């Protein structure tokens, strides 16, 4: 499962960072594997939360740059 998480994270953040007009862009996410559903039947699946933007260098340190053009079409590309 960690390979699946890593692969999805890399593709997702790469698409974010390639379109960014930010110096040294860096995306962030939290992911975890849930093994059981509410009925305690084995049901492995992922939960992932991504930042809706990027951190990048600014003259006064790190700054958060919100992603303004994320659409359903972007999800289809990823």
C-alpha atoms as a PDB file:
ATOM      1  CA  UNK A   1       0.000   0.000   0.000  1.00  0.00           C
ATOM      2  CA  UNK A   2       2.832   2.430   0.701  1.00  0.00           C
ATOM      3  CA  UNK A   3       3.907   2.123  -2.941  1.00  0.00           C
ATOM      4  CA  UNK A   4       0.424   3.156  -4.062  1.00  0.00           C
ATOM      5  CA  UNK A   5       0.458   6.144  -1.692  1.00  0.00           C
ATOM      6  CA  UNK A   6       3.929   7.218  -2.843  1.00  0.00           C
ATOM      7  CA  UNK A   7       3.029   6.891  -6.525  1.00  0.00           C
ATOM      8  CA  UNK A   8      -0.191   8.896  -6.196  1.00  0.00           C
ATOM      9  CA  UNK A   9       1.497  11.545  -4.035  1.00  0.00           C
ATOM     10  CA  UNK A  10       4.365  11.977  -6.507  1.00  0.00           C
ATOM     11  CA  UNK A  11       2.055  12.315  -9.520  1.00  0.00           C
ATOM     12  CA  UNK A  12      -0.314  14.678  -7.744  1.00  0.00           C
ATOM     13  CA  UNK A  13       2.361  16.968  -6.333  1.00  0.00           C
ATOM     14  CA  UNK A  14       4.327  16.916  -9.597  1.00  0.00           C
ATOM     15  CA  UNK A  15       1.293  18.221 -11.480  1.00  0.00           C
ATOM     16  CA  UNK A  16       0.860  20.954  -8.841  1.00  0.00           C
ATOM     17  CA  UNK A  17       4.523  21.936  -8.831  1.00  0.00           C
ATOM     18  CA  UNK A  18       4.933  21.940 -12.635  1.00  0.00           C
ATOM     19  CA  UNK A  19       2.184  24.560 -13.037  1.00  0.00           C
ATOM     20  CA  UNK A  20       3.322  26.714 -10.120  1.00  0.00           C
ATOM     21  CA  UNK A  21       4.931  30.051 -10.766  1.00  0.00           C
ATOM     22  CA  UNK A  22       6.638  29.903  -7.392  1.00  0.00           C
ATOM     23  CA  UNK A  23      10.303  29.690  -6.403  1.00  0.00           C
ATOM     24  CA  UNK A  24      11.046  26.199  -4.950  1.00  0.00           C
ATOM     25  CA  UNK A  25       7.429  24.964  -4.768  1.00  0.00           C
ATOM     26  CA  UNK A  26       6.556  22.324  -2.206  1.00  0.00           C
ATOM     27  CA  UNK A  27       3.192  20.584  -1.835  1.00  0.00           C
ATOM     28  CA  UNK A  28       2.008  18.737   1.262  1.00  0.00           C
ATOM     29  CA  UNK A  29      -0.321  15.906   2.156  1.00  0.00           C
ATOM     30  CA  UNK A  30      -1.356  13.493   4.873  1.00  0.00           C
ATOM     31  CA  UNK A  31      -2.253   9.892   4.008  1.00  0.00           C
ATOM     32  CA  UNK A  32      -3.159   6.774   5.930  1.00  0.00           C
ATOM     33  CA  UNK A  33      -4.395   3.276   5.224  1.00  0.00           C
ATOM     34  CA  UNK A  34      -7.641   2.128   6.784  1.00  0.00           C
ATOM     35  CA  UNK A  35      -7.977  -1.653   6.900  1.00  0.00           C
ATOM     36  CA  UNK A  36     -11.526  -2.180   8.136  1.00  0.00           C
ATOM     37  CA  UNK A  37     -14.920  -0.657   7.467  1.00  0.00           C
ATOM     38  CA  UNK A  38     -17.673  -0.112  10.009  1.00  0.00           C
ATOM     39  CA  UNK A  39     -18.716  -3.792   9.826  1.00  0.00           C
ATOM     40  CA  UNK A  40     -15.156  -4.946  10.712  1.00  0.00           C
ATOM     41  CA  UNK A  41     -14.763  -6.694   7.353  1.00  0.00           C
ATOM     42  CA  UNK A  42     -11.311  -6.392   5.762  1.00  0.00           C
ATOM     43  CA  UNK A  43     -11.584  -3.459   3.377  1.00  0.00           C
ATOM     44  CA  UNK A  44      -8.158  -1.835   2.798  1.00  0.00           C
ATOM     45  CA  UNK A  45      -8.412   1.666   1.371  1.00  0.00           C
ATOM     46  CA  UNK A  46      -6.624   5.021   1.471  1.00  0.00           C
ATOM     47  CA  UNK A  47      -7.518   8.390   2.886  1.00  0.00           C
ATOM     48  CA  UNK A  48      -5.502  11.365   1.600  1.00  0.00           C
ATOM     49  CA  UNK A  49      -5.753  15.070   2.338  1.00  0.00           C
ATOM     50  CA  UNK A  50      -3.763  17.487   0.174  1.00  0.00           C
ATOM     51  CA  UNK A  51      -3.074  21.158   0.694  1.00  0.00           C
ATOM     52  CA  UNK A  52      -5.040  23.307  -1.719  1.00  0.00           C
ATOM     53  CA  UNK A  53      -1.912  25.149  -2.777  1.00  0.00           C
ATOM     54  CA  UNK A  54       1.846  25.193  -2.420  1.00  0.00           C
ATOM     55  CA  UNK A  55       4.496  26.596  -0.155  1.00  0.00           C
ATOM     56  CA  UNK A  56       7.261  28.511  -1.892  1.00  0.00           C
ATOM     57  CA  UNK A  57      10.098  30.865  -1.162  1.00  0.00           C
ATOM     58  CA  UNK A  58       9.281  34.536  -0.761  1.00  0.00           C
ATOM     59  CA  UNK A  59      11.479  37.485   0.139  1.00  0.00           C
ATOM     60  CA  UNK A  60      10.408  37.192   3.793  1.00  0.00           C
ATOM     61  CA  UNK A  61      10.595  33.376   4.096  1.00  0.00           C
ATOM     62  CA  UNK A  62       8.089  30.687   3.179  1.00  0.00           C
ATOM     63  CA  UNK A  63       4.701  31.731   1.890  1.00  0.00           C
ATOM     64  CA  UNK A  64       1.548  29.723   1.118  1.00  0.00           C
ATOM     65  CA  UNK A  65       0.233  30.185  -2.417  1.00  0.00           C
ATOM     66  CA  UNK A  66      -3.367  28.954  -2.800  1.00  0.00           C
ATOM     67  CA  UNK A  67      -4.170  26.953  -5.902  1.00  0.00           C
ATOM     68  CA  UNK A  68      -6.794  28.970  -7.764  1.00  0.00           C
ATOM     69  CA  UNK A  69      -7.525  26.924 -10.867  1.00  0.00           C
ATOM     70  CA  UNK A  70      -7.990  23.338  -9.680  1.00  0.00           C
ATOM     71  CA  UNK A  71     -10.865  21.732 -11.586  1.00  0.00           C
ATOM     72  CA  UNK A  72     -12.419  18.324 -12.177  1.00  0.00           C
ATOM     73  CA  UNK A  73     -10.457  18.134 -15.430  1.00  0.00           C
ATOM     74  CA  UNK A  74      -7.236  18.410 -13.411  1.00  0.00           C
ATOM     75  CA  UNK A  75      -8.281  15.321 -11.434  1.00  0.00           C
ATOM     76  CA  UNK A  76      -8.857  13.402 -14.671  1.00  0.00           C
ATOM     77  CA  UNK A  77      -5.332  14.273 -15.868  1.00  0.00           C
ATOM     78  CA  UNK A  78      -3.771  13.029 -12.627  1.00  0.00           C
END
